[in-house]
Amino acid sequence: QVQLVESGGGLVQPGGSLRLSCAASGMRVSINTMGWYRQAPGKQRELVAHITSGSSTNYVDSVKGRFAISSDNAKNTAYLQMNSLKPEDTAVYYCNTFPSYLPWGQGTQVTVSS
């Protein structure tokens, strides 16, 4: 059974940092393109970043230079390092393949507020 479990969210002040983790089971992160998505209240879920099996990365313009996606194949886990956080980064963050084809996990809430 495939399962994605996101963690690492929380409340942080503007300018702060968080590192999100996505622990995968029943599938291999290393052979998939993995993505981090987010959904803010009242908005559609959007792709924030993705990383290919060859470790190529891509980011939505709004997070370029601030976020970094990576993966640890030995731990079968994907990560999203988020720096210089802004209030507009507030959302529930999810991981999935890109394009997404797996069941969505519960996500992890990120709240950026002073």
C-alpha atoms as a PDB file:
ATOM      1  CA  GLN A   1       0.000   0.000   0.000  1.00  0.00           C
ATOM      2  CA  VAL A   2       1.420   3.351  -1.047  1.00  0.00           C
ATOM      3  CA  GLN A   3       1.563   6.005   1.635  1.00  0.00           C
ATOM      4  CA  LEU A   4       3.020   9.506   1.774  1.00  0.00           C
ATOM      5  CA  VAL A   5       3.454  11.124   5.178  1.00  0.00           C
ATOM      6  CA  GLU A   6       4.338  14.800   5.343  1.00  0.00           C
ATOM      7  CA  SER A   7       5.798  16.434   8.441  1.00  0.00           C
ATOM      8  CA  GLY A   8       7.800  19.432   9.599  1.00  0.00           C
ATOM      9  CA  GLY A   9       5.255  22.207   9.304  1.00  0.00           C
ATOM     10  CA  GLY A  10       4.483  24.735  11.970  1.00  0.00           C
ATOM     11  CA  LEU A  11       4.117  28.387  12.864  1.00  0.00           C
ATOM     12  CA  VAL A  12       7.046  30.586  11.899  1.00  0.00           C
ATOM     13  CA  GLN A  13       7.667  34.299  11.724  1.00  0.00           C
ATOM     14  CA  PRO A  14       8.249  36.030   8.391  1.00  0.00           C
ATOM     15  CA  GLY A  15      11.842  35.504   7.344  1.00  0.00           C
ATOM     16  CA  GLY A  16      12.073  32.207   9.172  1.00  0.00           C
ATOM     17  CA  SER A  17      12.809  28.724   7.894  1.00  0.00           C
ATOM     18  CA  LEU A  18      11.243  25.285   7.967  1.00  0.00           C
ATOM     19  CA  ARG A  19      12.225  21.923   6.559  1.00  0.00           C
ATOM     20  CA  LEU A  20       9.425  19.664   5.404  1.00  0.00           C
ATOM     21  CA  SER A  21       9.800  15.920   5.058  1.00  0.00           C
ATOM     22  CA  CYS A  22       7.834  13.428   2.986  1.00  0.00           C
ATOM     23  CA  ALA A  23       8.322   9.823   4.022  1.00  0.00           C
ATOM     24  CA  ALA A  24       7.206   7.415   1.308  1.00  0.00           C
ATOM     25  CA  SER A  25       6.276   3.767   1.618  1.00  0.00           C
ATOM     26  CA  GLY A  26       5.135   1.343  -1.041  1.00  0.00           C
ATOM     27  CA  MET A  27       6.894   3.298  -3.767  1.00  0.00           C
ATOM     28  CA  ARG A  28      10.414   4.427  -4.510  1.00  0.00           C
ATOM     29  CA  VAL A  29      11.212   8.121  -4.429  1.00  0.00           C
ATOM     30  CA  SER A  30      14.395   7.489  -6.412  1.00  0.00           C
ATOM     31  CA  ILE A  31      12.681   6.413  -9.621  1.00  0.00           C
ATOM     32  CA  ASN A  32       9.885   8.954  -9.607  1.00  0.00           C
ATOM     33  CA  THR A  33       9.672  12.668 -10.168  1.00  0.00           C
ATOM     34  CA  MET A  34       8.577  13.934  -6.778  1.00  0.00           C
ATOM     35  CA  GLY A  35       6.782  17.185  -6.187  1.00  0.00           C
ATOM     36  CA  TRP A  36       5.818  19.420  -3.319  1.00  0.00           C
ATOM     37  CA  TYR A  37       2.449  21.065  -3.621  1.00  0.00           C
ATOM     38  CA  ARG A  38       0.581  23.545  -1.459  1.00  0.00           C
ATOM     39  CA  GLN A  39      -2.985  24.635  -0.994  1.00  0.00           C
ATOM     40  CA  ALA A  40      -3.841  27.924   0.645  1.00  0.00           C
ATOM     41  CA  PRO A  41      -7.328  28.598   2.015  1.00  0.00           C
ATOM     42  CA  GLY A  42      -9.760  29.274  -0.793  1.00  0.00           C
ATOM     43  CA  LYS A  43      -7.210  28.467  -3.489  1.00  0.00           C
ATOM     44  CA  GLN A  44      -6.452  25.521  -5.704  1.00  0.00           C
ATOM     45  CA  ARG A  45      -3.589  23.209  -4.940  1.00  0.00           C
ATOM     46  CA  GLU A  46      -0.461  24.276  -6.802  1.00  0.00           C
ATOM     47  CA  LEU A  47       2.863  22.660  -7.567  1.00  0.00           C
ATOM     48  CA  VAL A  48       5.683  24.431  -5.748  1.00  0.00           C
ATOM     49  CA  ALA A  49       8.729  22.396  -6.747  1.00  0.00           C
ATOM     50  CA  HIS A  50       9.694  19.077  -8.239  1.00  0.00           C
ATOM     51  CA  ILE A  51      12.776  16.930  -8.489  1.00  0.00           C
ATOM     52  CA  THR A  52      13.385  14.298 -11.138  1.00  0.00           C
ATOM     53  CA  SER A  53      14.991  10.895 -10.692  1.00  0.00           C
ATOM     54  CA  GLY A  54      18.115  12.512 -12.126  1.00  0.00           C
ATOM     55  CA  SER A  55      18.002  15.225  -9.426  1.00  0.00           C
ATOM     56  CA  SER A  56      17.002  18.038 -11.762  1.00  0.00           C
ATOM     57  CA  THR A  57      14.867  20.555  -9.921  1.00  0.00           C
ATOM     58  CA  ASN A  58      12.294  23.126 -10.890  1.00  0.00           C
ATOM     59  CA  TYR A  59      10.422  25.756  -8.874  1.00  0.00           C
ATOM     60  CA  VAL A  60       7.456  28.020  -9.239  1.00  0.00           C
ATOM     61  CA  ASP A  61       8.638  31.612  -9.638  1.00  0.00           C
ATOM     62  CA  SER A  62       7.278  32.718  -6.275  1.00  0.00           C
ATOM     63  CA  VAL A  63       9.662  30.432  -4.343  1.00  0.00           C
ATOM     64  CA  LYS A  64      12.772  30.486  -6.541  1.00  0.00           C
ATOM     65  CA  GLY A  65      15.852  31.308  -4.516  1.00  0.00           C
ATOM     66  CA  ARG A  66      14.054  30.622  -1.228  1.00  0.00           C
ATOM     67  CA  PHE A  67      12.998  26.948  -1.376  1.00  0.00           C
ATOM     68  CA  ALA A  68      15.087  23.900  -2.138  1.00  0.00           C
ATOM     69  CA  ILE A  69      13.754  20.431  -2.915  1.00  0.00           C
ATOM     70  CA  SER A  70      15.879  17.355  -2.349  1.00  0.00           C
ATOM     71  CA  SER A  71      15.555  13.637  -1.745  1.00  0.00           C
ATOM     72  CA  ASP A  72      17.336  10.956   0.226  1.00  0.00           C
ATOM     73  CA  ASN A  73      17.000   7.688  -1.648  1.00  0.00           C
ATOM     74  CA  ALA A  74      18.317   5.626   1.268  1.00  0.00           C
ATOM     75  CA  LYS A  75      15.573   7.014   3.506  1.00  0.00           C
ATOM     76  CA  ASN A  76      13.006   7.059   0.677  1.00  0.00           C
ATOM     77  CA  THR A  77      12.168  10.598   1.737  1.00  0.00           C
ATOM     78  CA  ALA A  78      11.766  13.894  -0.076  1.00  0.00           C
ATOM     79  CA  TYR A  79      12.435  17.241   1.560  1.00  0.00           C
ATOM     80  CA  LEU A  80      11.546  20.870   1.068  1.00  0.00           C
ATOM     81  CA  GLN A  81      13.829  23.405   2.715  1.00  0.00           C
ATOM     82  CA  MET A  82      11.991  26.696   2.983  1.00  0.00           C
ATOM     83  CA  ASN A  83      13.900  29.877   3.811  1.00  0.00           C
ATOM     84  CA  SER A  84      12.919  33.540   3.939  1.00  0.00           C
ATOM     85  CA  LEU A  85       9.314  32.536   4.470  1.00  0.00           C
ATOM     86  CA  LYS A  86       6.565  35.031   3.697  1.00  0.00           C
ATOM     87  CA  PRO A  87       2.967  35.230   4.890  1.00  0.00           C
ATOM     88  CA  GLU A  88       1.843  34.256   1.392  1.00  0.00           C
ATOM     89  CA  ASP A  89       3.615  30.913   1.844  1.00  0.00           C
ATOM     90  CA  THR A  90       0.956  29.977   4.406  1.00  0.00           C
ATOM     91  CA  ALA A  91      -0.734  26.794   3.192  1.00  0.00           C
ATOM     92  CA  VAL A  92      -1.043  23.072   3.710  1.00  0.00           C
ATOM     93  CA  TYR A  93       1.914  21.431   1.994  1.00  0.00           C
ATOM     94  CA  TYR A  94       1.695  18.022   0.344  1.00  0.00           C
ATOM     95  CA  CYS A  95       4.048  15.770  -1.532  1.00  0.00           C
ATOM     96  CA  ASN A  96       3.194  13.490  -4.417  1.00  0.00           C
ATOM     97  CA  THR A  97       4.629  12.395  -7.672  1.00  0.00           C
ATOM     98  CA  PHE A  98       4.655  14.890 -10.544  1.00  0.00           C
ATOM     99  CA  PRO A  99       2.270  14.600 -12.208  1.00  0.00           C
ATOM    100  CA  SER A 100       0.382  13.451  -9.125  1.00  0.00           C
ATOM    101  CA  TYR A 101      -1.011   9.939  -9.309  1.00  0.00           C
ATOM    102  CA  LEU A 102      -0.758   8.661  -5.759  1.00  0.00           C
ATOM    103  CA  PRO A 103      -3.314   9.082  -2.944  1.00  0.00           C
ATOM    104  CA  TRP A 104      -2.758  12.382  -1.193  1.00  0.00           C
ATOM    105  CA  GLY A 105      -1.431  12.355   2.344  1.00  0.00           C
ATOM    106  CA  GLN A 106      -2.720  14.500   5.166  1.00  0.00           C
ATOM    107  CA  GLY A 107      -0.315  17.315   4.413  1.00  0.00           C
ATOM    108  CA  THR A 108       1.496  19.529   6.873  1.00  0.00           C
ATOM    109  CA  GLN A 109       0.337  23.015   7.822  1.00  0.00           C
ATOM    110  CA  VAL A 110       2.746  25.897   7.363  1.00  0.00           C
ATOM    111  CA  THR A 111       1.708  29.206   8.879  1.00  0.00           C
ATOM    112  CA  VAL A 112       3.867  32.282   8.415  1.00  0.00           C
ATOM    113  CA  SER A 113       2.779  35.054  10.714  1.00  0.00           C
ATOM    114  CA  SER A 114       4.152  37.555  13.183  1.00  0.00           C
END
